[in-house]
Amino acid sequence: MDILQQMNLTDFTLYDLINVKGVEDTIDRFPLMASPVPSTILIAIYLYFIYKWGPNYMENRKPFDLKLVIAAYNIFQVAACSYLVMSVSLPLGILNSVISKWESNFNHFSAILGSFSPRFYF
């Protein structure tokens, strides 16, 4: 017996792919997951925007000045990443462990004294 006949995939069509419900009901509740049609429509709209409408809209215009927006976005990203690292590492004690190891092994005169042991770095 052929493998496709064993899997009952011989009569599988594009209609079945589009209209079949998800295997798991919990996935169907998420946005854009019940069917591939909404995702396909969003991709088509995006492609139309970047290849047709966007270039036509900006054809006779000056480029937008986004330096201030990008700087604000970068500051926000640094703050958000710092908050994330602190909120994850403080409860686990990771940051305190790293700082205490660094403080206990740090020696201002190590370069002069020539003690470049691996313990100094870790």
PDB file of N, CA and C in Angstrom:
ATOM      1  N   MET A   1       0.840  -1.177   0.000  1.00  0.00           N
ATOM      2  CA  MET A   1       0.000   0.000   0.000  1.00  0.00           C
ATOM      3  C   MET A   1       0.891   1.248   0.000  1.00  0.00           C
ATOM      4  N   ASP A   2       0.499   2.229  -0.745  1.00  0.00           N
ATOM      5  CA  ASP A   2       1.259   3.466  -0.852  1.00  0.00           C
ATOM      6  C   ASP A   2       1.156   4.282   0.438  1.00  0.00           C
ATOM      7  N   ILE A   3       2.197   5.051   0.736  1.00  0.00           N
ATOM      8  CA  ILE A   3       2.226   5.836   1.975  1.00  0.00           C
ATOM      9  C   ILE A   3       1.131   6.899   1.984  1.00  0.00           C
ATOM     10  N   LEU A   4       0.824   7.498   0.819  1.00  0.00           N
ATOM     11  CA  LEU A   4      -0.237   8.505   0.769  1.00  0.00           C
ATOM     12  C   LEU A   4      -1.603   7.893   1.038  1.00  0.00           C
ATOM     13  N   GLN A   5      -1.805   6.673   0.589  1.00  0.00           N
ATOM     14  CA  GLN A   5      -3.077   6.012   0.868  1.00  0.00           C
ATOM     15  C   GLN A   5      -3.196   5.671   2.346  1.00  0.00           C
ATOM     16  N   GLN A   6      -2.089   5.329   2.968  1.00  0.00           N
ATOM     17  CA  GLN A   6      -2.128   5.054   4.401  1.00  0.00           C
ATOM     18  C   GLN A   6      -2.466   6.308   5.191  1.00  0.00           C
ATOM     19  N   MET A   7      -1.996   7.438   4.733  1.00  0.00           N
ATOM     20  CA  MET A   7      -2.238   8.682   5.453  1.00  0.00           C
ATOM     21  C   MET A   7      -3.533   9.362   5.021  1.00  0.00           C
ATOM     22  N   ASN A   8      -4.245   8.809   4.067  1.00  0.00           N
ATOM     23  CA  ASN A   8      -5.487   9.372   3.536  1.00  0.00           C
ATOM     24  C   ASN A   8      -5.280  10.780   2.983  1.00  0.00           C
ATOM     25  N   LEU A   9      -4.173  11.007   2.318  1.00  0.00           N
ATOM     26  CA  LEU A   9      -3.887  12.310   1.741  1.00  0.00           C
ATOM     27  C   LEU A   9      -4.050  12.319   0.224  1.00  0.00           C
ATOM     28  N   THR A  10      -4.647  11.308  -0.329  1.00  0.00           N
ATOM     29  CA  THR A  10      -4.760  11.238  -1.778  1.00  0.00           C
ATOM     30  C   THR A  10      -5.760  12.249  -2.319  1.00  0.00           C
ATOM     31  N   ASP A  11      -6.794  12.576  -1.548  1.00  0.00           N
ATOM     32  CA  ASP A  11      -7.817  13.506  -2.016  1.00  0.00           C
ATOM     33  C   ASP A  11      -7.679  14.880  -1.376  1.00  0.00           C
ATOM     34  N   PHE A  12      -6.506  15.212  -0.896  1.00  0.00           N
ATOM     35  CA  PHE A  12      -6.264  16.493  -0.232  1.00  0.00           C
ATOM     36  C   PHE A  12      -6.155  17.593  -1.283  1.00  0.00           C
ATOM     37  N   THR A  13      -6.943  18.649  -1.137  1.00  0.00           N
ATOM     38  CA  THR A  13      -6.952  19.727  -2.122  1.00  0.00           C
ATOM     39  C   THR A  13      -6.641  21.058  -1.454  1.00  0.00           C
ATOM     40  N   LEU A  14      -6.529  22.092  -2.272  1.00  0.00           N
ATOM     41  CA  LEU A  14      -6.310  23.438  -1.758  1.00  0.00           C
ATOM     42  C   LEU A  14      -7.511  23.897  -0.931  1.00  0.00           C
ATOM     43  N   TYR A  15      -8.699  23.488  -1.337  1.00  0.00           N
ATOM     44  CA  TYR A  15      -9.904  23.824  -0.575  1.00  0.00           C
ATOM     45  C   TYR A  15      -9.804  23.277   0.848  1.00  0.00           C
ATOM     46  N   ASP A  16      -9.304  22.064   0.989  1.00  0.00           N
ATOM     47  CA  ASP A  16      -9.151  21.479   2.322  1.00  0.00           C
ATOM     48  C   ASP A  16      -8.134  22.254   3.151  1.00  0.00           C
ATOM     49  N   LEU A  17      -7.073  22.716   2.518  1.00  0.00           N
ATOM     50  CA  LEU A  17      -6.056  23.473   3.232  1.00  0.00           C
ATOM     51  C   LEU A  17      -6.614  24.788   3.767  1.00  0.00           C
ATOM     52  N   ILE A  18      -7.428  25.467   2.964  1.00  0.00           N
ATOM     53  CA  ILE A  18      -7.962  26.768   3.371  1.00  0.00           C
ATOM     54  C   ILE A  18      -9.102  26.628   4.367  1.00  0.00           C
ATOM     55  N   ASN A  19      -9.964  25.664   4.182  1.00  0.00           N
ATOM     56  CA  ASN A  19     -11.181  25.587   4.984  1.00  0.00           C
ATOM     57  C   ASN A  19     -11.133  24.612   6.150  1.00  0.00           C
ATOM     58  N   VAL A  20     -10.072  23.859   6.264  1.00  0.00           N
ATOM     59  CA  VAL A  20     -10.008  22.918   7.374  1.00  0.00           C
ATOM     60  C   VAL A  20      -9.781  23.690   8.664  1.00  0.00           C
ATOM     61  N   LYS A  21     -10.434  23.276   9.707  1.00  0.00           N
ATOM     62  CA  LYS A  21     -10.255  23.914  11.004  1.00  0.00           C
ATOM     63  C   LYS A  21      -8.970  23.404  11.629  1.00  0.00           C
ATOM     64  N   GLY A  22      -8.440  24.188  12.559  1.00  0.00           N
ATOM     65  CA  GLY A  22      -7.207  23.805  13.226  1.00  0.00           C
ATOM     66  C   GLY A  22      -7.377  22.516  14.003  1.00  0.00           C
ATOM     67  N   VAL A  23      -6.295  21.829  14.195  1.00  0.00           N
ATOM     68  CA  VAL A  23      -6.330  20.570  14.918  1.00  0.00           C
ATOM     69  C   VAL A  23      -6.704  20.806  16.371  1.00  0.00           C
ATOM     70  N   GLU A  24      -6.231  21.890  16.904  1.00  0.00           N
ATOM     71  CA  GLU A  24      -6.475  22.170  18.304  1.00  0.00           C
ATOM     72  C   GLU A  24      -7.335  23.426  18.425  1.00  0.00           C
ATOM     73  N   ASP A  25      -8.371  23.361  19.245  1.00  0.00           N
ATOM     74  CA  ASP A  25      -9.295  24.483  19.364  1.00  0.00           C
ATOM     75  C   ASP A  25      -8.661  25.698  20.025  1.00  0.00           C
ATOM     76  N   THR A  26      -7.666  25.487  20.865  1.00  0.00           N
ATOM     77  CA  THR A  26      -7.049  26.630  21.538  1.00  0.00           C
ATOM     78  C   THR A  26      -6.292  27.518  20.561  1.00  0.00           C
ATOM     79  N   ILE A  27      -5.789  26.961  19.484  1.00  0.00           N
ATOM     80  CA  ILE A  27      -5.059  27.743  18.491  1.00  0.00           C
ATOM     81  C   ILE A  27      -6.013  28.597  17.667  1.00  0.00           C
ATOM     82  N   ASP A  28      -7.203  28.098  17.398  1.00  0.00           N
ATOM     83  CA  ASP A  28      -8.160  28.835  16.578  1.00  0.00           C
ATOM     84  C   ASP A  28      -8.599  30.141  17.224  1.00  0.00           C
ATOM     85  N   ARG A  29      -8.458  30.275  18.531  1.00  0.00           N
ATOM     86  CA  ARG A  29      -8.870  31.505  19.209  1.00  0.00           C
ATOM     87  C   ARG A  29      -7.875  32.637  19.004  1.00  0.00           C
ATOM     88  N   PHE A  30      -6.641  32.333  18.648  1.00  0.00           N
ATOM     89  CA  PHE A  30      -5.635  33.368  18.454  1.00  0.00           C
ATOM     90  C   PHE A  30      -5.899  34.131  17.159  1.00  0.00           C
ATOM     91  N   PRO A  31      -5.515  35.413  17.114  1.00  0.00           N
ATOM     92  CA  PRO A  31      -5.726  36.185  15.885  1.00  0.00           C
ATOM     93  C   PRO A  31      -4.936  35.596  14.721  1.00  0.00           C
ATOM     94  N   LEU A  32      -5.554  35.560  13.572  1.00  0.00           N
ATOM     95  CA  LEU A  32      -4.966  35.110  12.304  1.00  0.00           C
ATOM     96  C   LEU A  32      -4.616  33.623  12.275  1.00  0.00           C
ATOM     97  N   MET A  33      -5.091  32.839  13.226  1.00  0.00           N
ATOM     98  CA  MET A  33      -4.712  31.430  13.268  1.00  0.00           C
ATOM     99  C   MET A  33      -5.828  30.481  12.846  1.00  0.00           C
ATOM    100  N   ALA A  34      -7.046  30.943  12.735  1.00  0.00           N
ATOM    101  CA  ALA A  34      -8.141  30.043  12.393  1.00  0.00           C
ATOM    102  C   ALA A  34      -8.084  29.623  10.932  1.00  0.00           C
ATOM    103  N   SER A  35      -7.518  30.469  10.086  1.00  0.00           N
ATOM    104  CA  SER A  35      -7.459  30.186   8.663  1.00  0.00           C
ATOM    105  C   SER A  35      -6.245  30.899   8.071  1.00  0.00           C
ATOM    106  N   PRO A  36      -5.708  30.404   6.964  1.00  0.00           N
ATOM    107  CA  PRO A  36      -4.585  31.107   6.337  1.00  0.00           C
ATOM    108  C   PRO A  36      -5.010  32.328   5.519  1.00  0.00           C
ATOM    109  N   VAL A  37      -6.302  32.531   5.343  1.00  0.00           N
ATOM    110  CA  VAL A  37      -6.786  33.630   4.507  1.00  0.00           C
ATOM    111  C   VAL A  37      -6.433  35.005   5.085  1.00  0.00           C
ATOM    112  N   PRO A  38      -6.684  35.302   6.370  1.00  0.00           N
ATOM    113  CA  PRO A  38      -6.331  36.639   6.872  1.00  0.00           C
ATOM    114  C   PRO A  38      -4.835  36.945   6.769  1.00  0.00           C
ATOM    115  N   SER A  39      -3.994  35.976   7.033  1.00  0.00           N
ATOM    116  CA  SER A  39      -2.546  36.197   6.913  1.00  0.00           C
ATOM    117  C   SER A  39      -2.157  36.489   5.470  1.00  0.00           C
ATOM    118  N   THR A  40      -2.755  35.765   4.543  1.00  0.00           N
ATOM    119  CA  THR A  40      -2.467  35.975   3.129  1.00  0.00           C
ATOM    120  C   THR A  40      -2.909  37.363   2.686  1.00  0.00           C
ATOM    121  N   ILE A  41      -4.067  37.809   3.163  1.00  0.00           N
ATOM    122  CA  ILE A  41      -4.556  39.148   2.820  1.00  0.00           C
ATOM    123  C   ILE A  41      -3.623  40.217   3.386  1.00  0.00           C
ATOM    124  N   LEU A  42      -3.180  40.049   4.634  1.00  0.00           N
ATOM    125  CA  LEU A  42      -2.256  41.022   5.226  1.00  0.00           C
ATOM    126  C   LEU A  42      -0.932  41.085   4.469  1.00  0.00           C
ATOM    127  N   ILE A  43      -0.421  39.945   4.049  1.00  0.00           N
ATOM    128  CA  ILE A  43       0.827  39.921   3.279  1.00  0.00           C
ATOM    129  C   ILE A  43       0.637  40.617   1.937  1.00  0.00           C
ATOM    130  N   ALA A  44      -0.515  40.389   1.283  1.00  0.00           N
ATOM    131  CA  ALA A  44      -0.788  41.036  -0.003  1.00  0.00           C
ATOM    132  C   ALA A  44      -0.894  42.549   0.160  1.00  0.00           C
ATOM    133  N   ILE A  45      -1.559  43.016   1.218  1.00  0.00           N
ATOM    134  CA  ILE A  45      -1.666  44.457   1.473  1.00  0.00           C
ATOM    135  C   ILE A  45      -0.287  45.049   1.738  1.00  0.00           C
ATOM    136  N   TYR A  46       0.523  44.364   2.511  1.00  0.00           N
ATOM    137  CA  TYR A  46       1.879  44.846   2.806  1.00  0.00           C
ATOM    138  C   TYR A  46       2.709  44.957   1.528  1.00  0.00           C
ATOM    139  N   LEU A  47       2.667  43.931   0.698  1.00  0.00           N
ATOM    140  CA  LEU A  47       3.437  43.959  -0.544  1.00  0.00           C
ATOM    141  C   LEU A  47       2.953  45.068  -1.472  1.00  0.00           C
ATOM    142  N   TYR A  48       1.635  45.283  -1.539  1.00  0.00           N
ATOM    143  CA  TYR A  48       1.100  46.382  -2.348  1.00  0.00           C
ATOM    144  C   TYR A  48       1.607  47.721  -1.817  1.00  0.00           C
ATOM    145  N   PHE A  49       1.627  47.869  -0.504  1.00  0.00           N
ATOM    146  CA  PHE A  49       2.073  49.126   0.099  1.00  0.00           C
ATOM    147  C   PHE A  49       3.541  49.410  -0.201  1.00  0.00           C
ATOM    148  N   ILE A  50       4.416  48.412  -0.031  1.00  0.00           N
ATOM    149  CA  ILE A  50       5.848  48.692  -0.191  1.00  0.00           C
ATOM    150  C   ILE A  50       6.283  48.779  -1.650  1.00  0.00           C
ATOM    151  N   TYR A  51       5.537  48.149  -2.561  1.00  0.00           N
ATOM    152  CA  TYR A  51       5.962  48.181  -3.954  1.00  0.00           C
ATOM    153  C   TYR A  51       5.186  49.164  -4.820  1.00  0.00           C
ATOM    154  N   LYS A  52       3.960  49.530  -4.462  1.00  0.00           N
ATOM    155  CA  LYS A  52       3.142  50.412  -5.296  1.00  0.00           C
ATOM    156  C   LYS A  52       2.804  51.718  -4.591  1.00  0.00           C
ATOM    157  N   TRP A  53       2.000  51.640  -3.537  1.00  0.00           N
ATOM    158  CA  TRP A  53       1.466  52.845  -2.922  1.00  0.00           C
ATOM    159  C   TRP A  53       2.546  53.674  -2.239  1.00  0.00           C
ATOM    160  N   GLY A  54       3.437  53.049  -1.485  1.00  0.00           N
ATOM    161  CA  GLY A  54       4.477  53.778  -0.769  1.00  0.00           C
ATOM    162  C   GLY A  54       5.400  54.570  -1.680  1.00  0.00           C
ATOM    163  N   PRO A  55       5.996  53.952  -2.708  1.00  0.00           N
ATOM    164  CA  PRO A  55       6.847  54.724  -3.622  1.00  0.00           C
ATOM    165  C   PRO A  55       6.086  55.834  -4.358  1.00  0.00           C
ATOM    166  N   ASN A  56       4.834  55.574  -4.744  1.00  0.00           N
ATOM    167  CA  ASN A  56       4.049  56.620  -5.402  1.00  0.00           C
ATOM    168  C   ASN A  56       3.750  57.767  -4.446  1.00  0.00           C
ATOM    169  N   TYR A  57       3.496  57.470  -3.199  1.00  0.00           N
ATOM    170  CA  TYR A  57       3.194  58.494  -2.201  1.00  0.00           C
ATOM    171  C   TYR A  57       4.417  59.368  -1.922  1.00  0.00           C
ATOM    172  N   MET A  58       5.592  58.775  -1.874  1.00  0.00           N
ATOM    173  CA  MET A  58       6.811  59.508  -1.518  1.00  0.00           C
ATOM    174  C   MET A  58       7.582  60.026  -2.741  1.00  0.00           C
ATOM    175  N   GLU A  59       7.022  59.889  -3.926  1.00  0.00           N
ATOM    176  CA  GLU A  59       7.744  60.231  -5.146  1.00  0.00           C
ATOM    177  C   GLU A  59       8.176  61.701  -5.185  1.00  0.00           C
ATOM    178  N   ASN A  60       7.301  62.619  -4.852  1.00  0.00           N
ATOM    179  CA  ASN A  60       7.606  64.048  -4.927  1.00  0.00           C
ATOM    180  C   ASN A  60       7.736  64.683  -3.546  1.00  0.00           C
ATOM    181  N   ARG A  61       8.114  63.929  -2.560  1.00  0.00           N
ATOM    182  CA  ARG A  61       8.240  64.441  -1.197  1.00  0.00           C
ATOM    183  C   ARG A  61       9.679  64.297  -0.717  1.00  0.00           C
ATOM    184  N   LYS A  62      10.008  65.126   0.282  1.00  0.00           N
ATOM    185  CA  LYS A  62      11.313  64.989   0.924  1.00  0.00           C
ATOM    186  C   LYS A  62      11.254  63.805   1.891  1.00  0.00           C
ATOM    187  N   PRO A  63      12.381  63.160   2.137  1.00  0.00           N
ATOM    188  CA  PRO A  63      12.387  62.068   3.129  1.00  0.00           C
ATOM    189  C   PRO A  63      12.058  62.611   4.517  1.00  0.00           C
ATOM    190  N   PHE A  64      11.410  61.787   5.300  1.00  0.00           N
ATOM    191  CA  PHE A  64      11.079  62.173   6.664  1.00  0.00           C
ATOM    192  C   PHE A  64      12.355  62.275   7.492  1.00  0.00           C
ATOM    193  N   ASP A  65      12.403  63.252   8.397  1.00  0.00           N
ATOM    194  CA  ASP A  65      13.533  63.396   9.311  1.00  0.00           C
ATOM    195  C   ASP A  65      13.204  62.620  10.584  1.00  0.00           C
ATOM    196  N   LEU A  66      13.814  61.473  10.740  1.00  0.00           N
ATOM    197  CA  LEU A  66      13.488  60.581  11.851  1.00  0.00           C
ATOM    198  C   LEU A  66      14.594  60.487  12.892  1.00  0.00           C
ATOM    199  N   LYS A  67      15.546  61.412  12.881  1.00  0.00           N
ATOM    200  CA  LYS A  67      16.665  61.315  13.822  1.00  0.00           C
ATOM    201  C   LYS A  67      16.195  61.356  15.266  1.00  0.00           C
ATOM    202  N   LEU A  68      15.291  62.282  15.585  1.00  0.00           N
ATOM    203  CA  LEU A  68      14.801  62.404  16.954  1.00  0.00           C
ATOM    204  C   LEU A  68      13.973  61.180  17.351  1.00  0.00           C
ATOM    205  N   VAL A  69      13.162  60.688  16.428  1.00  0.00           N
ATOM    206  CA  VAL A  69      12.341  59.503  16.705  1.00  0.00           C
ATOM    207  C   VAL A  69      13.228  58.286  16.947  1.00  0.00           C
ATOM    208  N   ILE A  70      14.258  58.119  16.132  1.00  0.00           N
ATOM    209  CA  ILE A  70      15.161  56.977  16.288  1.00  0.00           C
ATOM    210  C   ILE A  70      15.954  57.084  17.584  1.00  0.00           C
ATOM    211  N   ALA A  71      16.381  58.293  17.944  1.00  0.00           N
ATOM    212  CA  ALA A  71      17.108  58.477  19.205  1.00  0.00           C
ATOM    213  C   ALA A  71      16.212  58.146  20.396  1.00  0.00           C
ATOM    214  N   ALA A  72      14.962  58.609  20.363  1.00  0.00           N
ATOM    215  CA  ALA A  72      14.025  58.300  21.450  1.00  0.00           C
ATOM    216  C   ALA A  72      13.752  56.798  21.510  1.00  0.00           C
ATOM    217  N   TYR A  73      13.606  56.169  20.362  1.00  0.00           N
ATOM    218  CA  TYR A  73      13.378  54.726  20.312  1.00  0.00           C
ATOM    219  C   TYR A  73      14.570  53.967  20.894  1.00  0.00           C
ATOM    220  N   ASN A  74      15.782  54.393  20.568  1.00  0.00           N
ATOM    221  CA  ASN A  74      16.977  53.729  21.098  1.00  0.00           C
ATOM    222  C   ASN A  74      17.071  53.875  22.610  1.00  0.00           C
ATOM    223  N   ILE A  75      16.761  55.065  23.125  1.00  0.00           N
ATOM    224  CA  ILE A  75      16.772  55.269  24.576  1.00  0.00           C
ATOM    225  C   ILE A  75      15.736  54.373  25.238  1.00  0.00           C
ATOM    226  N   PHE A  76      14.563  54.296  24.636  1.00  0.00           N
ATOM    227  CA  PHE A  76      13.522  53.418  25.176  1.00  0.00           C
ATOM    228  C   PHE A  76      13.977  51.961  25.175  1.00  0.00           C
ATOM    229  N   GLN A  77      14.616  51.517  24.107  1.00  0.00           N
ATOM    230  CA  GLN A  77      15.072  50.131  24.022  1.00  0.00           C
ATOM    231  C   GLN A  77      16.132  49.824  25.072  1.00  0.00           C
ATOM    232  N   VAL A  78      17.046  50.751  25.297  1.00  0.00           N
ATOM    233  CA  VAL A  78      18.073  50.545  26.326  1.00  0.00           C
ATOM    234  C   VAL A  78      17.422  50.451  27.697  1.00  0.00           C
ATOM    235  N   ALA A  79      16.466  51.343  27.977  1.00  0.00           N
ATOM    236  CA  ALA A  79      15.784  51.317  29.271  1.00  0.00           C
ATOM    237  C   ALA A  79      14.973  50.034  29.437  1.00  0.00           C
ATOM    238  N   ALA A  80      14.267  49.623  28.395  1.00  0.00           N
ATOM    239  CA  ALA A  80      13.456  48.409  28.481  1.00  0.00           C
ATOM    240  C   ALA A  80      14.331  47.169  28.662  1.00  0.00           C
ATOM    241  N   CYS A  81      15.438  47.088  27.944  1.00  0.00           N
ATOM    242  CA  CYS A  81      16.340  45.941  28.089  1.00  0.00           C
ATOM    243  C   CYS A  81      16.997  45.932  29.462  1.00  0.00           C
ATOM    244  N   SER A  82      17.357  47.105  29.965  1.00  0.00           N
ATOM    245  CA  SER A  82      17.940  47.178  31.311  1.00  0.00           C
ATOM    246  C   SER A  82      16.940  46.721  32.355  1.00  0.00           C
ATOM    247  N   TYR A  83      15.708  47.166  32.218  1.00  0.00           N
ATOM    248  CA  TYR A  83      14.660  46.745  33.144  1.00  0.00           C
ATOM    249  C   TYR A  83      14.448  45.236  33.075  1.00  0.00           C
ATOM    250  N   LEU A  84      14.441  44.686  31.872  1.00  0.00           N
ATOM    251  CA  LEU A  84      14.242  43.247  31.706  1.00  0.00           C
ATOM    252  C   LEU A  84      15.375  42.456  32.343  1.00  0.00           C
ATOM    253  N   VAL A  85      16.599  42.873  32.115  1.00  0.00           N
ATOM    254  CA  VAL A  85      17.741  42.172  32.710  1.00  0.00           C
ATOM    255  C   VAL A  85      17.684  42.249  34.228  1.00  0.00           C
ATOM    256  N   MET A  86      17.393  43.422  34.756  1.00  0.00           N
ATOM    257  CA  MET A  86      17.328  43.586  36.211  1.00  0.00           C
ATOM    258  C   MET A  86      16.174  42.781  36.806  1.00  0.00           C
ATOM    259  N   SER A  87      15.013  42.802  36.149  1.00  0.00           N
ATOM    260  CA  SER A  87      13.861  42.096  36.706  1.00  0.00           C
ATOM    261  C   SER A  87      14.037  40.583  36.655  1.00  0.00           C
ATOM    262  N   VAL A  88      14.832  40.087  35.722  1.00  0.00           N
ATOM    263  CA  VAL A  88      15.077  38.648  35.651  1.00  0.00           C
ATOM    264  C   VAL A  88      16.237  38.252  36.559  1.00  0.00           C
ATOM    265  N   SER A  89      17.283  39.058  36.588  1.00  0.00           N
ATOM    266  CA  SER A  89      18.483  38.647  37.311  1.00  0.00           C
ATOM    267  C   SER A  89      18.406  38.890  38.815  1.00  0.00           C
ATOM    268  N   LEU A  90      17.714  39.922  39.265  1.00  0.00           N
ATOM    269  CA  LEU A  90      17.661  40.190  40.704  1.00  0.00           C
ATOM    270  C   LEU A  90      16.947  39.090  41.488  1.00  0.00           C
ATOM    271  N   PRO A  91      15.756  38.638  41.072  1.00  0.00           N
ATOM    272  CA  PRO A  91      15.126  37.555  41.843  1.00  0.00           C
ATOM    273  C   PRO A  91      15.925  36.261  41.835  1.00  0.00           C
ATOM    274  N   LEU A  92      16.649  36.009  40.770  1.00  0.00           N
ATOM    275  CA  LEU A  92      17.440  34.780  40.682  1.00  0.00           C
ATOM    276  C   LEU A  92      18.792  34.915  41.366  1.00  0.00           C
ATOM    277  N   GLY A  93      19.184  36.120  41.701  1.00  0.00           N
ATOM    278  CA  GLY A  93      20.466  36.345  42.349  1.00  0.00           C
ATOM    279  C   GLY A  93      21.646  36.306  41.408  1.00  0.00           C
ATOM    280  N   ILE A  94      21.399  36.361  40.127  1.00  0.00           N
ATOM    281  CA  ILE A  94      22.483  36.269  39.147  1.00  0.00           C
ATOM    282  C   ILE A  94      23.361  37.509  39.204  1.00  0.00           C
ATOM    283  N   LEU A  95      22.734  38.679  39.213  1.00  0.00           N
ATOM    284  CA  LEU A  95      23.505  39.917  39.186  1.00  0.00           C
ATOM    285  C   LEU A  95      24.330  40.082  40.452  1.00  0.00           C
ATOM    286  N   ASN A  96      23.751  39.757  41.597  1.00  0.00           N
ATOM    287  CA  ASN A  96      24.504  39.858  42.851  1.00  0.00           C
ATOM    288  C   ASN A  96      25.696  38.907  42.851  1.00  0.00           C
ATOM    289  N   SER A  97      25.513  37.724  42.295  1.00  0.00           N
ATOM    290  CA  SER A  97      26.597  36.752  42.227  1.00  0.00           C
ATOM    291  C   SER A  97      27.736  37.257  41.346  1.00  0.00           C
ATOM    292  N   VAL A  98      27.395  37.830  40.208  1.00  0.00           N
ATOM    293  CA  VAL A  98      28.414  38.337  39.289  1.00  0.00           C
ATOM    294  C   VAL A  98      29.167  39.496  39.919  1.00  0.00           C
ATOM    295  N   ILE A  99      28.440  40.423  40.548  1.00  0.00           N
ATOM    296  CA  ILE A  99      29.087  41.590  41.160  1.00  0.00           C
ATOM    297  C   ILE A  99      29.987  41.165  42.317  1.00  0.00           C
ATOM    298  N   SER A 100      29.517  40.246  43.147  1.00  0.00           N
ATOM    299  CA  SER A 100      30.338  39.836  44.290  1.00  0.00           C
ATOM    300  C   SER A 100      31.600  39.106  43.834  1.00  0.00           C
ATOM    301  N   LYS A 101      31.506  38.284  42.794  1.00  0.00           N
ATOM    302  CA  LYS A 101      32.700  37.616  42.274  1.00  0.00           C
ATOM    303  C   LYS A 101      33.670  38.632  41.687  1.00  0.00           C
ATOM    304  N   TRP A 102      33.143  39.622  41.003  1.00  0.00           N
ATOM    305  CA  TRP A 102      34.002  40.629  40.400  1.00  0.00           C
ATOM    306  C   TRP A 102      34.699  41.453  41.478  1.00  0.00           C
ATOM    307  N   GLU A 103      33.952  41.837  42.515  1.00  0.00           N
ATOM    308  CA  GLU A 103      34.544  42.646  43.582  1.00  0.00           C
ATOM    309  C   GLU A 103      35.580  41.862  44.380  1.00  0.00           C
ATOM    310  N   SER A 104      35.312  40.588  44.628  1.00  0.00           N
ATOM    311  CA  SER A 104      36.239  39.816  45.455  1.00  0.00           C
ATOM    312  C   SER A 104      37.531  39.476  44.714  1.00  0.00           C
ATOM    313  N   ASN A 105      37.482  39.386  43.398  1.00  0.00           N
ATOM    314  CA  ASN A 105      38.667  39.015  42.628  1.00  0.00           C
ATOM    315  C   ASN A 105      39.364  40.204  41.988  1.00  0.00           C
ATOM    316  N   PHE A 106      38.830  41.387  42.172  1.00  0.00           N
ATOM    317  CA  PHE A 106      39.402  42.552  41.507  1.00  0.00           C
ATOM    318  C   PHE A 106      40.589  43.089  42.291  1.00  0.00           C
ATOM    319  N   ASN A 107      41.646  43.389  41.577  1.00  0.00           N
ATOM    320  CA  ASN A 107      42.837  43.939  42.202  1.00  0.00           C
ATOM    321  C   ASN A 107      43.382  45.026  41.278  1.00  0.00           C
ATOM    322  N   HIS A 108      43.470  46.259  41.763  1.00  0.00           N
ATOM    323  CA  HIS A 108      43.920  47.366  40.931  1.00  0.00           C
ATOM    324  C   HIS A 108      45.366  47.196  40.475  1.00  0.00           C
ATOM    325  N   PHE A 109      46.126  46.452  41.209  1.00  0.00           N
ATOM    326  CA  PHE A 109      47.547  46.320  40.902  1.00  0.00           C
ATOM    327  C   PHE A 109      47.874  45.012  40.184  1.00  0.00           C
ATOM    328  N   SER A 110      46.878  44.328  39.663  1.00  0.00           N
ATOM    329  CA  SER A 110      47.146  43.031  39.045  1.00  0.00           C
ATOM    330  C   SER A 110      48.000  43.169  37.793  1.00  0.00           C
ATOM    331  N   ALA A 111      47.814  44.244  37.032  1.00  0.00           N
ATOM    332  CA  ALA A 111      48.629  44.430  35.830  1.00  0.00           C
ATOM    333  C   ALA A 111      50.081  44.707  36.200  1.00  0.00           C
ATOM    334  N   ILE A 112      50.277  45.438  37.278  1.00  0.00           N
ATOM    335  CA  ILE A 112      51.639  45.757  37.713  1.00  0.00           C
ATOM    336  C   ILE A 112      52.307  44.528  38.312  1.00  0.00           C
ATOM    337  N   LEU A 113      51.546  43.793  39.110  1.00  0.00           N
ATOM    338  CA  LEU A 113      52.105  42.627  39.785  1.00  0.00           C
ATOM    339  C   LEU A 113      52.235  41.426  38.857  1.00  0.00           C
ATOM    340  N   GLY A 114      51.516  41.453  37.739  1.00  0.00           N
ATOM    341  CA  GLY A 114      51.623  40.368  36.773  1.00  0.00           C
ATOM    342  C   GLY A 114      50.796  39.150  37.121  1.00  0.00           C
ATOM    343  N   SER A 115      49.778  39.293  37.930  1.00  0.00           N
ATOM    344  CA  SER A 115      48.948  38.132  38.271  1.00  0.00           C
ATOM    345  C   SER A 115      47.751  38.078  37.330  1.00  0.00           C
ATOM    346  N   PHE A 116      47.963  37.479  36.187  1.00  0.00           N
ATOM    347  CA  PHE A 116      46.886  37.332  35.222  1.00  0.00           C
ATOM    348  C   PHE A 116      46.347  35.910  35.259  1.00  0.00           C
ATOM    349  N   SER A 117      46.009  35.441  36.411  1.00  0.00           N
ATOM    350  CA  SER A 117      45.480  34.089  36.533  1.00  0.00           C
ATOM    351  C   SER A 117      44.036  34.072  36.038  1.00  0.00           C
ATOM    352  N   PRO A 118      43.536  32.911  35.595  1.00  0.00           N
ATOM    353  CA  PRO A 118      42.142  32.829  35.163  1.00  0.00           C
ATOM    354  C   PRO A 118      41.163  33.211  36.271  1.00  0.00           C
ATOM    355  N   ARG A 119      41.560  33.041  37.531  1.00  0.00           N
ATOM    356  CA  ARG A 119      40.686  33.387  38.646  1.00  0.00           C
ATOM    357  C   ARG A 119      40.379  34.885  38.658  1.00  0.00           C
ATOM    358  N   PHE A 120      41.307  35.694  38.155  1.00  0.00           N
ATOM    359  CA  PHE A 120      41.107  37.137  38.109  1.00  0.00           C
ATOM    360  C   PHE A 120      39.930  37.504  37.203  1.00  0.00           C
ATOM    361  N   TYR A 121      39.771  36.772  36.110  1.00  0.00           N
ATOM    362  CA  TYR A 121      38.737  37.108  35.142  1.00  0.00           C
ATOM    363  C   TYR A 121      37.399  36.472  35.466  1.00  0.00           C
ATOM    364  N   PHE A 122      37.384  35.411  36.231  1.00  0.00           N
ATOM    365  CA  PHE A 122      36.127  34.721  36.496  1.00  0.00           C
ATOM    366  C   PHE A 122      35.851  34.740  37.926  1.00  0.00           C
TER     367      PHE A 122
END
